[in-house]
Amino acid sequence: MATLYDFGGYCTRDDIQCADGTIIRKGCFAHNDGDTVSLFYNHSHNNKRDLVGNVLLELRGDGMYAYGSLNPKHPDFDLVKSQIEHGDLPALSIFANHLHRRGND
């Protein structure tokens, strides 16, 4: 499956605190298994230029995995792809929203 995509990686891991302090609990996004959602560069959701592609979500036993596809017509395609290939980008953002919170959970 990953050969059809530019990269793959976890977009959420169960019961691990995210950079913003939120803890995504097991099964939180189970209903999104198989969905394709937008991929944003630099965790920026306010600038349409930062929408660089999409990811196919796959629910796994320890979190949600993402198969990423960059938009080859995006003006920064070569830059973003080379940063991913080189390991320069430590995380990705799919702009999970409409979350129901209980404290940090």
Protein backbone atom coordinates (compact mmCIF):
# COMPACT_ATOMS: atom_id res chain seq x y z
CA MET A 1 0.00 0.00 0.00
CA ALA A 2 2.70 2.54 0.96
CA THR A 3 4.26 2.33 -2.53
CA LEU A 4 1.36 4.38 -3.93
CA TYR A 5 2.08 7.21 -1.50
CA ASP A 6 4.88 9.68 -0.88
CA PHE A 7 5.30 8.69 2.77
CA GLY A 8 3.64 7.01 5.71
CA GLY A 9 3.59 7.55 9.43
CA TYR A 10 1.42 7.82 12.51
CA CYS A 11 -0.76 10.90 12.80
CA THR A 12 -1.96 9.86 16.26
CA ARG A 13 -0.68 7.34 18.76
CA ASP A 14 -2.96 6.05 21.49
CA ASP A 15 -2.57 7.53 24.97
CA ILE A 16 0.45 9.73 24.15
CA GLN A 17 0.43 13.47 24.83
CA CYS A 18 0.51 15.64 21.69
CA ALA A 19 2.54 18.83 21.35
CA ASP A 20 -0.52 20.90 22.31
CA GLY A 21 -1.04 18.91 25.53
CA THR A 22 -3.97 16.84 24.27
CA ILE A 23 -3.94 13.10 24.90
CA ILE A 24 -5.67 11.17 22.14
CA ARG A 25 -7.26 8.10 23.71
CA LYS A 26 -7.53 4.68 22.05
CA GLY A 27 -10.37 4.53 19.56
CA CYS A 28 -10.86 8.30 19.40
CA PHE A 29 -10.69 8.37 15.60
CA ALA A 30 -11.83 4.80 14.89
CA HIS A 31 -14.77 6.16 12.88
CA ASN A 32 -12.26 7.80 10.48
CA ASP A 33 -10.62 4.52 9.45
CA GLY A 34 -10.37 4.56 5.65
CA ASP A 35 -11.08 8.30 5.33
CA THR A 36 -8.94 10.61 3.23
CA VAL A 37 -8.26 13.96 4.91
CA SER A 38 -6.23 17.11 4.22
CA LEU A 39 -2.53 17.35 5.04
CA PHE A 40 -1.17 20.65 6.32
CA TYR A 41 2.43 21.88 6.40
CA ASN A 42 3.88 23.29 9.61
CA HIS A 43 0.70 22.63 11.62
CA SER A 44 -0.78 25.68 9.92
CA HIS A 45 -4.47 25.53 9.10
CA ASN A 46 -5.18 29.18 8.42
CA ASN A 47 -3.26 29.57 5.18
CA LYS A 48 -4.52 27.61 2.18
CA ARG A 49 -0.96 27.54 0.84
CA ASP A 50 -0.06 25.22 3.73
CA LEU A 51 -2.48 22.57 2.44
CA VAL A 52 0.09 20.37 0.71
CA GLY A 53 -1.80 17.14 0.04
CA ASN A 54 -3.88 14.49 1.74
CA VAL A 55 -3.58 11.30 3.74
CA LEU A 56 -5.47 8.04 3.80
CA LEU A 57 -6.13 7.00 7.41
CA GLU A 58 -5.69 3.42 8.61
CA LEU A 59 -6.66 2.38 12.13
CA ARG A 60 -4.03 0.19 13.76
CA GLY A 61 -3.85 -1.41 17.18
CA ASP A 62 -1.77 1.45 18.61
CA GLY A 63 -3.12 4.49 16.79
CA MET A 64 -4.03 5.99 13.43
CA TYR A 65 -1.56 5.57 10.59
CA ALA A 66 -1.49 7.92 7.60
CA TYR A 67 -0.43 7.22 4.02
CA GLY A 68 0.53 10.64 2.67
CA SER A 69 0.17 11.92 -0.84
CA LEU A 70 1.67 15.30 -1.67
CA ASN A 71 0.07 17.46 -4.35
CA PRO A 72 2.61 17.52 -7.22
CA LYS A 73 1.16 20.84 -8.45
CA HIS A 74 1.75 22.56 -5.10
CA PRO A 75 4.42 25.28 -5.51
CA ASP A 76 6.46 23.82 -2.63
CA PHE A 77 6.12 20.17 -3.67
CA ASP A 78 9.86 19.61 -4.24
CA LEU A 79 10.80 21.32 -0.97
CA VAL A 80 8.27 19.44 1.17
CA LYS A 81 9.07 16.10 -0.47
CA SER A 82 12.82 16.57 0.06
CA GLN A 83 12.25 17.55 3.71
CA ILE A 84 10.22 14.39 4.26
CA GLU A 85 12.77 12.19 2.51
CA HIS A 86 15.61 13.74 4.53
CA GLY A 87 13.76 13.38 7.85
CA ASP A 88 13.60 17.12 8.49
CA LEU A 89 9.90 17.14 9.40
CA PRO A 90 9.27 15.45 12.76
CA ALA A 91 5.47 15.46 12.62
CA LEU A 92 2.45 15.95 10.41
CA SER A 93 -0.88 17.64 10.90
CA ILE A 94 -4.26 16.58 9.60
CA PHE A 95 -6.15 19.30 11.51
CA ALA A 96 -8.24 17.08 13.73
CA ASN A 97 -11.09 19.28 14.88
CA HIS A 98 -14.46 19.03 16.59
CA LEU A 99 -12.79 17.12 19.42
CA HIS A 100 -14.68 16.40 22.63
CA ARG A 101 -12.36 17.10 25.54
CA ARG A 102 -12.32 15.99 29.15
CA GLY A 103 -9.45 17.97 30.62
CA ASN A 104 -6.45 17.11 28.40
CA ASP A 105 -8.11 13.92 27.13
